[in-house]
Amino acid sequence: MLKKCVVATFVAFVLGGCTSSQFVQTNVQSASQPGVEIYISNELPQRAYDVIGHIETSGWVFTSHETLLDGLRERAKKASADAVIKTEFKYFSHGFSSLPYVEGIAVKWK
């Protein structure tokens, strides 16, 4: 009986007591290293664009949002995109954990 209580307490602590917070500053670029611009959620660019397509990149349990954005930028560069709009961070369930991914719409400036 004691063993079951210890296991139940441990499971409740692990599943219910963990949080994490992240801050990711987007569109920080130097003139010598131009890159793909990222527009989070409903933020939209003030210039005209054509949609190239949907783009996403995923990570593992401890992948940071910044690392996900780096992957998204690299994938967007390969697609010749100038920016990614409507970017959103999401998680999908994988066993007892959630795996992070980021998705958005790749665009090319007109």
Protein backbone atom coordinates (compact mmCIF):
# COMPACT_ATOMS: atom_id res chain seq x y z
CA MET A 1 0.00 0.00 0.00
CA LEU A 2 2.81 2.43 0.88
CA LYS A 3 4.49 1.68 -2.43
CA LYS A 4 1.32 2.63 -4.33
CA CYS A 5 1.06 5.93 -2.42
CA VAL A 6 4.68 6.79 -3.18
CA VAL A 7 4.24 6.00 -6.87
CA ALA A 8 0.97 7.98 -7.06
CA THR A 9 2.59 10.98 -5.37
CA PHE A 10 5.57 10.82 -7.72
CA VAL A 11 3.36 10.61 -10.82
CA ALA A 12 1.21 13.53 -9.63
CA PHE A 13 4.32 15.63 -8.99
CA VAL A 14 5.91 14.83 -12.35
CA LEU A 15 2.78 15.29 -14.45
CA GLY A 16 1.21 18.19 -12.60
CA GLY A 17 4.01 20.26 -11.15
CA CYS A 18 6.28 21.11 -14.06
CA THR A 19 6.19 24.33 -16.02
CA SER A 20 8.64 26.14 -18.21
CA SER A 21 8.75 29.57 -19.79
CA GLN A 22 10.60 30.86 -22.82
CA PHE A 23 11.06 34.22 -24.48
CA VAL A 24 12.13 34.36 -28.11
CA GLN A 25 12.96 37.67 -29.73
CA THR A 26 12.15 37.52 -33.43
CA ASN A 27 13.50 39.43 -36.41
CA VAL A 28 16.82 40.29 -34.78
CA GLN A 29 19.19 40.47 -37.72
CA SER A 30 22.37 42.25 -38.58
CA ALA A 31 23.00 43.85 -41.97
CA SER A 32 25.85 41.38 -42.61
CA GLN A 33 23.60 38.36 -41.94
CA PRO A 34 20.24 38.89 -43.61
CA GLY A 35 17.74 36.14 -42.96
CA VAL A 36 14.18 35.02 -43.10
CA GLU A 37 11.81 37.23 -41.12
CA ILE A 38 9.44 35.54 -38.67
CA TYR A 39 5.99 36.96 -37.89
CA ILE A 40 4.37 35.36 -34.83
CA SER A 41 0.64 34.51 -34.74
CA ASN A 42 -1.53 37.29 -36.19
CA GLU A 43 1.30 39.77 -36.77
CA LEU A 44 1.53 40.43 -40.52
CA PRO A 45 4.12 42.25 -42.62
CA GLN A 46 3.31 45.68 -44.05
CA ARG A 47 4.46 44.70 -47.55
CA ALA A 48 2.85 42.66 -50.30
CA TYR A 49 3.72 38.97 -50.55
CA ASP A 50 2.89 35.74 -52.36
CA VAL A 51 2.30 32.57 -50.37
CA ILE A 52 4.77 29.76 -51.15
CA GLY A 53 3.30 27.16 -48.80
CA HIS A 54 3.00 25.68 -45.32
CA ILE A 55 6.26 25.12 -43.46
CA GLU A 56 7.12 23.46 -40.16
CA THR A 57 9.97 22.07 -38.15
CA SER A 58 9.93 19.89 -35.05
CA GLY A 59 12.20 19.12 -32.16
CA TRP A 60 12.64 16.79 -29.24
CA VAL A 61 11.48 17.12 -25.63
CA PHE A 62 14.08 19.72 -24.60
CA THR A 63 14.30 21.68 -27.86
CA SER A 64 14.01 25.42 -27.20
CA HIS A 65 11.73 27.74 -29.15
CA GLU A 66 14.80 29.60 -30.40
CA THR A 67 16.23 26.38 -31.84
CA LEU A 68 12.89 25.61 -33.49
CA LEU A 69 12.88 29.07 -35.09
CA ASP A 70 16.43 28.52 -36.36
CA GLY A 71 15.24 25.29 -37.99
CA LEU A 72 12.21 27.06 -39.46
CA ARG A 73 14.44 29.79 -40.92
CA GLU A 74 16.75 27.21 -42.48
CA ARG A 75 13.82 25.35 -44.04
CA ALA A 76 12.36 28.62 -45.31
CA LYS A 77 15.70 29.58 -46.91
CA LYS A 78 15.71 26.25 -48.77
CA ALA A 79 12.23 27.10 -50.08
CA SER A 80 13.48 30.57 -51.16
CA ALA A 81 11.08 32.27 -48.73
CA ASP A 82 11.66 35.81 -47.52
CA ALA A 83 9.50 35.44 -44.41
CA VAL A 84 7.29 33.09 -42.43
CA ILE A 85 3.93 34.50 -41.30
CA LYS A 86 1.28 33.20 -38.90
CA THR A 87 4.02 31.33 -37.03
CA GLU A 88 2.78 29.29 -34.07
CA PHE A 89 4.48 27.06 -31.53
CA LYS A 90 2.65 23.82 -30.84
CA TYR A 91 3.12 20.44 -29.17
CA PHE A 92 2.01 16.97 -30.10
CA SER A 93 1.72 14.13 -27.62
CA HIS A 94 4.32 11.39 -27.73
CA GLY A 95 3.93 8.77 -25.02
CA PHE A 96 4.27 10.49 -21.65
CA SER A 97 5.68 13.71 -23.09
CA SER A 98 4.97 16.36 -25.68
CA LEU A 99 7.21 17.12 -28.62
CA PRO A 100 7.47 20.75 -29.74
CA TYR A 101 7.10 22.01 -33.26
CA VAL A 102 6.64 25.34 -34.97
CA GLU A 103 4.64 25.99 -38.12
CA GLY A 104 3.75 28.88 -40.38
CA ILE A 105 3.18 30.08 -43.91
CA ALA A 106 6.26 30.68 -46.09
CA VAL A 107 6.00 33.83 -48.24
CA LYS A 108 7.99 35.64 -50.93
CA TRP A 109 7.98 39.44 -51.18
CA LYS A 110 6.38 40.89 -54.35
